[in-house]
Amino acid sequence: MLYLVPTPVGNLQDMTFRAIEVLKSVDLILAEDTRTSGVLLQHFDIHTPLKSHHKFNEHETTSDIVERLKAGAHIALISDAGTPAISDPGFFLVRAAAEAGIEIQTLPGATAFVPALVNSGLPNNHFYFEGFLPQKKGRQTRLQYLAQLDETFIIYESPFRLVKTLEQLAAVCSEERRASVSREISKVHEETVRGTLAELIAHFMQTPPKGEIVLIVQGKDPKDFKDFKDSNNCEE
């Protein structure tokens, strides 16, 4: 069995009872960073062996992992935070395990974009998850594609690139497009700031952001702009 186990994106108390039980029971835990995961496992008194599995070695290690699974091992995959394979390693191993006939179970649990989307106040009946934008090649093409979507879309961003990304979005979407920036989700300094792209640019130029960022942007359909008001937005 291959288990995909979500880990907290901030508050350690977001770990589920089932996740702890699985991580204690498996033969091996694959971790994106064993140092980061070691802190988590120590907190929950989990002593299962750890092995590195990240984007730089997953192509080399996957075949050996699949062989261990085929031999009867129970293995769990975790990332530093959130659900494996959502902007983190996991897809390559899941695909290989599925092709080998290995049973796979993905536990429900923490992921950053769901609370950010729900908290944004933007339409969420349909949405598009972009994740991290390319830093250089292909970035402008992706931004232009996103600008044409009718659905709310979601971007993961570094605090150091947030203002630049907001400015680029304003150029392709217009400054009046509504958006929401959530940072440090489930942590002590969690914050969500809502407003137009122009308002968000002004806000974060004056108050540089810190922590992990989830950017939620309104789709282009003008009918969805109605009733987007909140007591915590940038306009006040």
C-alpha atoms as a PDB file:
ATOM      1  CA  MET A   1       0.000   0.000   0.000  1.00  0.00           C
ATOM      2  CA  LEU A   2       1.135   3.520  -0.825  1.00  0.00           C
ATOM      3  CA  TYR A   3      -0.354   6.208   1.413  1.00  0.00           C
ATOM      4  CA  LEU A   4      -0.323   9.907   0.554  1.00  0.00           C
ATOM      5  CA  VAL A   5      -0.549  11.741   3.856  1.00  0.00           C
ATOM      6  CA  PRO A   6      -1.209  15.497   4.133  1.00  0.00           C
ATOM      7  CA  THR A   7       0.737  17.381   6.789  1.00  0.00           C
ATOM      8  CA  PRO A   8      -0.136  20.748   8.399  1.00  0.00           C
ATOM      9  CA  VAL A   9       0.528  23.916   6.405  1.00  0.00           C
ATOM     10  CA  GLY A  10       0.956  25.828   9.654  1.00  0.00           C
ATOM     11  CA  ASN A  11      -0.628  24.792  12.928  1.00  0.00           C
ATOM     12  CA  LEU A  12       0.511  21.311  13.970  1.00  0.00           C
ATOM     13  CA  GLN A  13      -2.918  20.671  15.485  1.00  0.00           C
ATOM     14  CA  ASP A  14      -4.303  20.438  11.939  1.00  0.00           C
ATOM     15  CA  MET A  15      -2.753  16.954  11.736  1.00  0.00           C
ATOM     16  CA  THR A  16      -5.500  14.318  11.678  1.00  0.00           C
ATOM     17  CA  PHE A  17      -5.691  11.307  14.007  1.00  0.00           C
ATOM     18  CA  ARG A  18      -5.712   9.022  10.981  1.00  0.00           C
ATOM     19  CA  ALA A  19      -2.588  10.633   9.526  1.00  0.00           C
ATOM     20  CA  ILE A  20      -0.704  10.022  12.771  1.00  0.00           C
ATOM     21  CA  GLU A  21      -1.918   6.415  12.902  1.00  0.00           C
ATOM     22  CA  VAL A  22      -0.826   5.736   9.319  1.00  0.00           C
ATOM     23  CA  LEU A  23       2.610   7.292   9.783  1.00  0.00           C
ATOM     24  CA  LYS A  24       3.172   5.172  12.885  1.00  0.00           C
ATOM     25  CA  SER A  25       2.095   1.955  11.181  1.00  0.00           C
ATOM     26  CA  VAL A  26       3.907   2.039   7.827  1.00  0.00           C
ATOM     27  CA  ASP A  27       7.327   0.542   7.160  1.00  0.00           C
ATOM     28  CA  LEU A  28       8.800   3.714   5.650  1.00  0.00           C
ATOM     29  CA  ILE A  29       7.990   7.408   5.296  1.00  0.00           C
ATOM     30  CA  LEU A  30       9.135   9.272   2.183  1.00  0.00           C
ATOM     31  CA  ALA A  31       9.731  12.934   3.025  1.00  0.00           C
ATOM     32  CA  GLU A  32      10.466  15.969   0.911  1.00  0.00           C
ATOM     33  CA  ASP A  33      12.935  17.220   3.550  1.00  0.00           C
ATOM     34  CA  THR A  34      13.785  14.769   6.335  1.00  0.00           C
ATOM     35  CA  ARG A  35      14.879  17.605   8.643  1.00  0.00           C
ATOM     36  CA  THR A  36      11.549  19.403   8.365  1.00  0.00           C
ATOM     37  CA  SER A  37       9.571  16.187   8.629  1.00  0.00           C
ATOM     38  CA  GLY A  38      11.708  15.020  11.530  1.00  0.00           C
ATOM     39  CA  VAL A  39      10.362  17.878  13.645  1.00  0.00           C
ATOM     40  CA  LEU A  40       6.787  16.883  12.800  1.00  0.00           C
ATOM     41  CA  LEU A  41       7.369  13.211  13.565  1.00  0.00           C
ATOM     42  CA  GLN A  42       9.090  13.995  16.847  1.00  0.00           C
ATOM     43  CA  HIS A  43       6.151  16.183  17.892  1.00  0.00           C
ATOM     44  CA  PHE A  44       3.735  13.280  17.400  1.00  0.00           C
ATOM     45  CA  ASP A  45       6.099  10.621  18.772  1.00  0.00           C
ATOM     46  CA  ILE A  46       6.417   8.851  15.413  1.00  0.00           C
ATOM     47  CA  HIS A  47       9.570   6.746  15.031  1.00  0.00           C
ATOM     48  CA  THR A  48       9.076   5.268  11.536  1.00  0.00           C
ATOM     49  CA  PRO A  49      12.214   5.357   9.329  1.00  0.00           C
ATOM     50  CA  LEU A  50      12.499   8.350   6.971  1.00  0.00           C
ATOM     51  CA  LYS A  51      13.869   8.537   3.452  1.00  0.00           C
ATOM     52  CA  SER A  52      14.280  11.578   1.191  1.00  0.00           C
ATOM     53  CA  HIS A  53      11.984  11.797  -1.813  1.00  0.00           C
ATOM     54  CA  HIS A  54      11.959  15.180  -3.538  1.00  0.00           C
ATOM     55  CA  LYS A  55      11.842  16.759  -6.985  1.00  0.00           C
ATOM     56  CA  PHE A  56      15.588  16.364  -7.481  1.00  0.00           C
ATOM     57  CA  ASN A  57      15.727  12.586  -6.892  1.00  0.00           C
ATOM     58  CA  GLU A  58      12.203  11.260  -7.487  1.00  0.00           C
ATOM     59  CA  HIS A  59      13.010   9.939 -10.968  1.00  0.00           C
ATOM     60  CA  GLU A  60      15.932   7.931  -9.579  1.00  0.00           C
ATOM     61  CA  THR A  61      14.264   6.616  -6.423  1.00  0.00           C
ATOM     62  CA  THR A  62      10.770   5.792  -7.704  1.00  0.00           C
ATOM     63  CA  SER A  63      11.608   2.444  -9.281  1.00  0.00           C
ATOM     64  CA  ASP A  64      13.169   1.137  -6.039  1.00  0.00           C
ATOM     65  CA  ILE A  65      10.180   2.367  -4.031  1.00  0.00           C
ATOM     66  CA  VAL A  66       7.747   0.618  -6.371  1.00  0.00           C
ATOM     67  CA  GLU A  67       9.724  -2.614  -6.029  1.00  0.00           C
ATOM     68  CA  ARG A  68       9.487  -2.387  -2.243  1.00  0.00           C
ATOM     69  CA  LEU A  69       5.736  -1.802  -2.527  1.00  0.00           C
ATOM     70  CA  LYS A  70       5.359  -4.800  -4.842  1.00  0.00           C
ATOM     71  CA  ALA A  71       7.270  -6.867  -2.269  1.00  0.00           C
ATOM     72  CA  GLY A  72       4.651  -6.041   0.352  1.00  0.00           C
ATOM     73  CA  ALA A  73       5.918  -2.901   2.066  1.00  0.00           C
ATOM     74  CA  HIS A  74       3.553  -0.209   3.311  1.00  0.00           C
ATOM     75  CA  ILE A  75       4.971   3.224   2.506  1.00  0.00           C
ATOM     76  CA  ALA A  76       3.713   6.738   3.209  1.00  0.00           C
ATOM     77  CA  LEU A  77       4.601   9.853   1.230  1.00  0.00           C
ATOM     78  CA  ILE A  78       4.508  13.276   2.878  1.00  0.00           C
ATOM     79  CA  SER A  79       5.646  16.737   1.799  1.00  0.00           C
ATOM     80  CA  ASP A  80       6.976  19.577   3.931  1.00  0.00           C
ATOM     81  CA  ALA A  81       3.451  20.983   4.229  1.00  0.00           C
ATOM     82  CA  GLY A  82       0.082  20.208   2.687  1.00  0.00           C
ATOM     83  CA  THR A  83      -1.015  17.381   0.421  1.00  0.00           C
ATOM     84  CA  PRO A  84       1.653  15.537  -1.612  1.00  0.00           C
ATOM     85  CA  ALA A  85       1.563  16.165  -5.385  1.00  0.00           C
ATOM     86  CA  ILE A  86      -0.152  19.581  -5.004  1.00  0.00           C
ATOM     87  CA  SER A  87       2.780  21.791  -6.084  1.00  0.00           C
ATOM     88  CA  ASP A  88       4.985  19.216  -4.346  1.00  0.00           C
ATOM     89  CA  PRO A  89       6.536  15.852  -5.299  1.00  0.00           C
ATOM     90  CA  GLY A  90       4.122  12.948  -5.592  1.00  0.00           C
ATOM     91  CA  PHE A  91       2.649  12.692  -9.081  1.00  0.00           C
ATOM     92  CA  PHE A  92       5.544  10.710 -10.551  1.00  0.00           C
ATOM     93  CA  LEU A  93       5.462   8.114  -7.774  1.00  0.00           C
ATOM     94  CA  VAL A  94       1.667   7.816  -7.787  1.00  0.00           C
ATOM     95  CA  ARG A  95       1.626   7.252 -11.535  1.00  0.00           C
ATOM     96  CA  ALA A  96       4.356   4.600 -11.325  1.00  0.00           C
ATOM     97  CA  ALA A  97       2.642   2.832  -8.424  1.00  0.00           C
ATOM     98  CA  ALA A  98      -0.724   2.862 -10.195  1.00  0.00           C
ATOM     99  CA  GLU A  99       0.826   1.442 -13.353  1.00  0.00           C
ATOM    100  CA  ALA A 100       2.400  -1.331 -11.244  1.00  0.00           C
ATOM    101  CA  GLY A 101      -0.978  -2.235  -9.731  1.00  0.00           C
ATOM    102  CA  ILE A 102      -0.123  -0.958  -6.252  1.00  0.00           C
ATOM    103  CA  GLU A 103      -3.050   0.043  -4.068  1.00  0.00           C
ATOM    104  CA  ILE A 104      -2.975   3.774  -3.247  1.00  0.00           C
ATOM    105  CA  GLN A 105      -4.816   5.653  -0.528  1.00  0.00           C
ATOM    106  CA  THR A 106      -4.771   9.438  -0.279  1.00  0.00           C
ATOM    107  CA  LEU A 107      -5.861  10.775   3.093  1.00  0.00           C
ATOM    108  CA  PRO A 108      -7.928  13.967   3.219  1.00  0.00           C
ATOM    109  CA  GLY A 109      -6.286  16.832   5.010  1.00  0.00           C
ATOM    110  CA  ALA A 110      -4.480  20.138   4.859  1.00  0.00           C
ATOM    111  CA  THR A 111      -3.818  22.049   1.670  1.00  0.00           C
ATOM    112  CA  ALA A 112      -3.209  25.796   1.471  1.00  0.00           C
ATOM    113  CA  PHE A 113      -5.385  26.835  -1.443  1.00  0.00           C
ATOM    114  CA  VAL A 114      -8.765  25.590  -0.156  1.00  0.00           C
ATOM    115  CA  PRO A 115      -8.958  27.832   2.950  1.00  0.00           C
ATOM    116  CA  ALA A 116      -7.517  30.747   0.945  1.00  0.00           C
ATOM    117  CA  LEU A 117     -10.147  30.301  -1.777  1.00  0.00           C
ATOM    118  CA  VAL A 118     -13.059  30.001   0.644  1.00  0.00           C
ATOM    119  CA  ASN A 119     -11.797  32.953   2.711  1.00  0.00           C
ATOM    120  CA  SER A 120     -11.342  35.201  -0.328  1.00  0.00           C
ATOM    121  CA  GLY A 121     -15.023  35.970  -0.773  1.00  0.00           C
ATOM    122  CA  LEU A 122     -14.582  35.390  -4.515  1.00  0.00           C
ATOM    123  CA  PRO A 123     -16.782  32.995  -6.511  1.00  0.00           C
ATOM    124  CA  ASN A 124     -15.668  29.408  -5.868  1.00  0.00           C
ATOM    125  CA  ASN A 125     -18.296  27.293  -7.600  1.00  0.00           C
ATOM    126  CA  HIS A 126     -15.737  26.971 -10.416  1.00  0.00           C
ATOM    127  CA  PHE A 127     -12.030  27.690 -10.049  1.00  0.00           C
ATOM    128  CA  TYR A 128      -8.685  27.068 -11.709  1.00  0.00           C
ATOM    129  CA  PHE A 129      -5.564  26.054  -9.776  1.00  0.00           C
ATOM    130  CA  GLU A 130      -2.378  27.379 -11.383  1.00  0.00           C
ATOM    131  CA  GLY A 131       0.033  26.800  -8.484  1.00  0.00           C
ATOM    132  CA  PHE A 132       3.468  28.368  -8.965  1.00  0.00           C
ATOM    133  CA  LEU A 133       3.966  30.433 -12.121  1.00  0.00           C
ATOM    134  CA  PRO A 134       7.137  29.959 -14.192  1.00  0.00           C
ATOM    135  CA  GLN A 135       9.724  32.415 -12.929  1.00  0.00           C
ATOM    136  CA  LYS A 136      11.059  33.276 -16.387  1.00  0.00           C
ATOM    137  CA  LYS A 137      10.372  31.299 -19.557  1.00  0.00           C
ATOM    138  CA  GLY A 138       6.663  30.981 -20.275  1.00  0.00           C
ATOM    139  CA  ARG A 139       5.570  33.281 -17.440  1.00  0.00           C
ATOM    140  CA  GLN A 140       3.949  35.932 -19.635  1.00  0.00           C
ATOM    141  CA  THR A 141       2.132  33.277 -21.646  1.00  0.00           C
ATOM    142  CA  ARG A 142       0.659  31.798 -18.472  1.00  0.00           C
ATOM    143  CA  LEU A 143      -0.398  35.228 -17.191  1.00  0.00           C
ATOM    144  CA  GLN A 144      -2.165  36.011 -20.458  1.00  0.00           C
ATOM    145  CA  TYR A 145      -3.927  32.644 -20.327  1.00  0.00           C
ATOM    146  CA  LEU A 146      -5.084  33.211 -16.757  1.00  0.00           C
ATOM    147  CA  ALA A 147      -6.362  36.696 -17.608  1.00  0.00           C
ATOM    148  CA  GLN A 148      -8.870  35.189 -20.060  1.00  0.00           C
ATOM    149  CA  LEU A 149     -10.374  32.683 -17.635  1.00  0.00           C
ATOM    150  CA  ASP A 150     -13.951  33.227 -16.500  1.00  0.00           C
ATOM    151  CA  GLU A 151     -13.266  31.256 -13.323  1.00  0.00           C
ATOM    152  CA  THR A 152     -11.533  32.450 -10.170  1.00  0.00           C
ATOM    153  CA  PHE A 153      -7.906  31.335 -10.341  1.00  0.00           C
ATOM    154  CA  ILE A 154      -5.312  30.456  -7.714  1.00  0.00           C
ATOM    155  CA  ILE A 155      -1.578  31.192  -7.665  1.00  0.00           C
ATOM    156  CA  TYR A 156       1.068  30.200  -5.111  1.00  0.00           C
ATOM    157  CA  GLU A 157       3.666  32.930  -4.734  1.00  0.00           C
ATOM    158  CA  SER A 158       6.769  33.900  -2.798  1.00  0.00           C
ATOM    159  CA  PRO A 159       6.485  37.053  -0.655  1.00  0.00           C
ATOM    160  CA  PHE A 160       9.518  38.398  -2.517  1.00  0.00           C
ATOM    161  CA  ARG A 161       7.726  38.179  -5.889  1.00  0.00           C
ATOM    162  CA  LEU A 162       4.186  39.056  -4.799  1.00  0.00           C
ATOM    163  CA  VAL A 163       4.191  42.742  -5.792  1.00  0.00           C
ATOM    164  CA  LYS A 164       5.780  41.949  -9.155  1.00  0.00           C
ATOM    165  CA  THR A 165       3.136  39.293  -9.821  1.00  0.00           C
ATOM    166  CA  LEU A 166       0.316  41.650  -8.817  1.00  0.00           C
ATOM    167  CA  GLU A 167       1.723  44.310 -11.176  1.00  0.00           C
ATOM    168  CA  GLN A 168       1.955  41.803 -14.033  1.00  0.00           C
ATOM    169  CA  LEU A 169      -1.613  40.641 -13.383  1.00  0.00           C
ATOM    170  CA  ALA A 170      -2.834  44.241 -13.348  1.00  0.00           C
ATOM    171  CA  ALA A 171      -1.216  44.748 -16.747  1.00  0.00           C
ATOM    172  CA  VAL A 172      -2.992  41.781 -18.340  1.00  0.00           C
ATOM    173  CA  CYS A 173      -6.247  41.761 -16.328  1.00  0.00           C
ATOM    174  CA  SER A 174      -6.726  45.485 -15.527  1.00  0.00           C
ATOM    175  CA  GLU A 175      -6.082  47.172 -12.206  1.00  0.00           C
ATOM    176  CA  GLU A 176      -9.753  46.874 -11.236  1.00  0.00           C
ATOM    177  CA  ARG A 177      -9.782  43.068 -11.197  1.00  0.00           C
ATOM    178  CA  ARG A 178     -10.617  41.854  -7.692  1.00  0.00           C
ATOM    179  CA  ALA A 179      -8.222  39.605  -5.788  1.00  0.00           C
ATOM    180  CA  SER A 180      -7.342  38.274  -2.360  1.00  0.00           C
ATOM    181  CA  VAL A 181      -3.967  37.589  -0.771  1.00  0.00           C
ATOM    182  CA  SER A 182      -3.772  35.067   2.084  1.00  0.00           C
ATOM    183  CA  ARG A 183      -0.541  34.484   3.945  1.00  0.00           C
ATOM    184  CA  GLU A 184       0.637  32.271   6.806  1.00  0.00           C
ATOM    185  CA  ILE A 185      -2.508  30.134   6.652  1.00  0.00           C
ATOM    186  CA  SER A 186      -3.347  28.502  10.011  1.00  0.00           C
ATOM    187  CA  LYS A 187      -0.320  30.157  11.663  1.00  0.00           C
ATOM    188  CA  VAL A 188      -0.245  32.814  14.389  1.00  0.00           C
ATOM    189  CA  HIS A 189       0.080  35.719  11.941  1.00  0.00           C
ATOM    190  CA  GLU A 190      -2.476  34.483   9.392  1.00  0.00           C
ATOM    191  CA  GLU A 191      -3.877  37.340   7.313  1.00  0.00           C
ATOM    192  CA  THR A 192      -6.131  37.831   4.309  1.00  0.00           C
ATOM    193  CA  VAL A 193      -6.185  41.129   2.397  1.00  0.00           C
ATOM    194  CA  ARG A 194      -8.869  41.732  -0.237  1.00  0.00           C
ATOM    195  CA  GLY A 195      -9.310  44.433  -2.871  1.00  0.00           C
ATOM    196  CA  THR A 196      -8.589  45.343  -6.474  1.00  0.00           C
ATOM    197  CA  LEU A 197      -5.201  44.508  -7.928  1.00  0.00           C
ATOM    198  CA  ALA A 198      -4.310  48.220  -7.765  1.00  0.00           C
ATOM    199  CA  GLU A 199      -5.258  48.371  -4.080  1.00  0.00           C
ATOM    200  CA  LEU A 200      -3.293  45.230  -3.274  1.00  0.00           C
ATOM    201  CA  ILE A 201      -0.215  46.573  -5.060  1.00  0.00           C
ATOM    202  CA  ALA A 202      -0.388  49.784  -3.037  1.00  0.00           C
ATOM    203  CA  HIS A 203      -0.945  47.884   0.199  1.00  0.00           C
ATOM    204  CA  PHE A 204       1.954  45.456  -0.192  1.00  0.00           C
ATOM    205  CA  MET A 205       4.351  48.103  -1.482  1.00  0.00           C
ATOM    206  CA  GLN A 206       3.721  49.924   1.788  1.00  0.00           C
ATOM    207  CA  THR A 207       3.598  46.767   3.913  1.00  0.00           C
ATOM    208  CA  PRO A 208       5.967  44.118   2.486  1.00  0.00           C
ATOM    209  CA  PRO A 209       4.466  40.645   2.939  1.00  0.00           C
ATOM    210  CA  LYS A 210       6.020  37.800   4.890  1.00  0.00           C
ATOM    211  CA  GLY A 211       5.373  34.067   4.839  1.00  0.00           C
ATOM    212  CA  GLU A 212       3.789  31.700   2.348  1.00  0.00           C
ATOM    213  CA  ILE A 213       1.358  33.392  -0.064  1.00  0.00           C
ATOM    214  CA  VAL A 214      -1.804  32.187  -1.789  1.00  0.00           C
ATOM    215  CA  LEU A 215      -3.163  34.645  -4.355  1.00  0.00           C
ATOM    216  CA  ILE A 216      -6.807  34.320  -5.438  1.00  0.00           C
ATOM    217  CA  VAL A 217      -7.876  36.337  -8.514  1.00  0.00           C
ATOM    218  CA  GLN A 218     -11.350  37.029  -9.858  1.00  0.00           C
ATOM    219  CA  GLY A 219     -12.250  35.635 -13.266  1.00  0.00           C
ATOM    220  CA  LYS A 220     -12.970  38.084 -16.082  1.00  0.00           C
ATOM    221  CA  ASP A 221     -16.756  37.539 -16.209  1.00  0.00           C
ATOM    222  CA  PRO A 222     -18.145  40.964 -15.166  1.00  0.00           C
ATOM    223  CA  LYS A 223     -21.300  39.565 -13.562  1.00  0.00           C
ATOM    224  CA  ASP A 224     -19.139  37.957 -10.866  1.00  0.00           C
ATOM    225  CA  PHE A 225     -17.890  41.369  -9.692  1.00  0.00           C
ATOM    226  CA  LYS A 226     -21.172  42.128  -7.930  1.00  0.00           C
ATOM    227  CA  ASP A 227     -21.377  42.138  -4.151  1.00  0.00           C
ATOM    228  CA  PHE A 228     -17.661  41.646  -3.545  1.00  0.00           C
ATOM    229  CA  LYS A 229     -17.460  43.576  -0.290  1.00  0.00           C
ATOM    230  CA  ASP A 230     -15.817  42.752   3.015  1.00  0.00           C
ATOM    231  CA  SER A 231     -14.958  44.610   6.170  1.00  0.00           C
ATOM    232  CA  ASN A 232     -11.309  43.631   5.833  1.00  0.00           C
ATOM    233  CA  ASN A 233     -10.678  44.783   2.268  1.00  0.00           C
ATOM    234  CA  CYS A 234      -8.095  47.321   1.142  1.00  0.00           C
ATOM    235  CA  GLU A 235     -10.648  49.999   0.352  1.00  0.00           C
ATOM    236  CA  GLU A 236     -11.197  50.844   4.012  1.00  0.00           C
END
